[in-house]
């Protein structure tokens, strides 16, 4: 799942009960949630503009 900013990604990750593992990828870090989605702060949507 792509979010706009890291704070948004982390908030979504906290909504799942499983542990979160960070996995570095070129230019970013994917947060993998056990029993949930993989999350990437990819700079999409209006939240990016609001956070800038």
Protein backbone atom coordinates (compact mmCIF):
# COMPACT_ATOMS: atom_id res chain seq x y z
CA UNK A 1 0.00 0.00 0.00
CA UNK A 2 1.42 3.41 -0.91
CA UNK A 3 1.05 6.41 1.37
CA UNK A 4 2.21 9.98 0.87
CA UNK A 5 4.59 10.48 3.79
CA UNK A 6 6.37 8.32 6.39
CA UNK A 7 4.16 9.57 9.25
CA UNK A 8 1.07 8.38 7.38
CA UNK A 9 2.71 5.03 6.59
CA UNK A 10 3.62 4.54 10.26
CA UNK A 11 0.08 5.41 11.42
CA UNK A 12 -1.36 2.79 9.07
CA UNK A 13 1.18 0.23 10.31
CA UNK A 14 0.13 0.84 13.92
CA UNK A 15 -3.46 -0.09 13.01
CA UNK A 16 -2.39 -3.73 12.60
CA UNK A 17 -1.65 -5.91 15.64
CA UNK A 18 1.38 -7.70 14.21
CA UNK A 19 4.99 -6.57 14.44
CA UNK A 20 6.40 -4.23 11.79
CA UNK A 21 9.68 -4.92 9.97
CA UNK A 22 11.51 -2.31 7.94
CA UNK A 23 12.97 -3.47 4.63
CA UNK A 24 15.22 -1.04 2.75
CA UNK A 25 14.62 -0.67 -0.97
CA UNK A 26 16.37 1.77 -3.33
CA UNK A 27 15.33 5.27 -2.27
CA UNK A 28 12.85 4.21 0.44
CA UNK A 29 11.97 1.70 3.14
CA UNK A 30 9.05 -0.70 3.02
CA UNK A 31 7.33 -1.43 6.33
CA UNK A 32 6.14 -5.05 6.29
CA UNK A 33 3.34 -5.78 8.76
CA UNK A 34 2.82 -9.40 9.84
CA UNK A 35 -0.73 -10.29 8.83
CA UNK A 36 -1.18 -6.99 7.01
CA UNK A 37 -0.01 -5.08 3.96
CA UNK A 38 3.45 -3.92 2.99
CA UNK A 39 3.56 -0.14 3.30
CA UNK A 40 5.62 2.35 1.31
CA UNK A 41 5.75 6.13 1.76
CA UNK A 42 5.86 6.92 -1.95
CA UNK A 43 4.93 10.59 -2.07
CA UNK A 44 1.44 10.16 -3.52
CA UNK A 45 -1.76 12.08 -2.99
CA UNK A 46 -2.63 15.43 -1.42
CA UNK A 47 -0.98 14.58 1.93
CA UNK A 48 2.42 15.07 0.29
CA UNK A 49 1.57 18.67 -0.55
CA UNK A 50 0.14 19.27 2.92
CA UNK A 51 3.26 17.88 4.58
CA UNK A 52 5.62 20.02 2.47
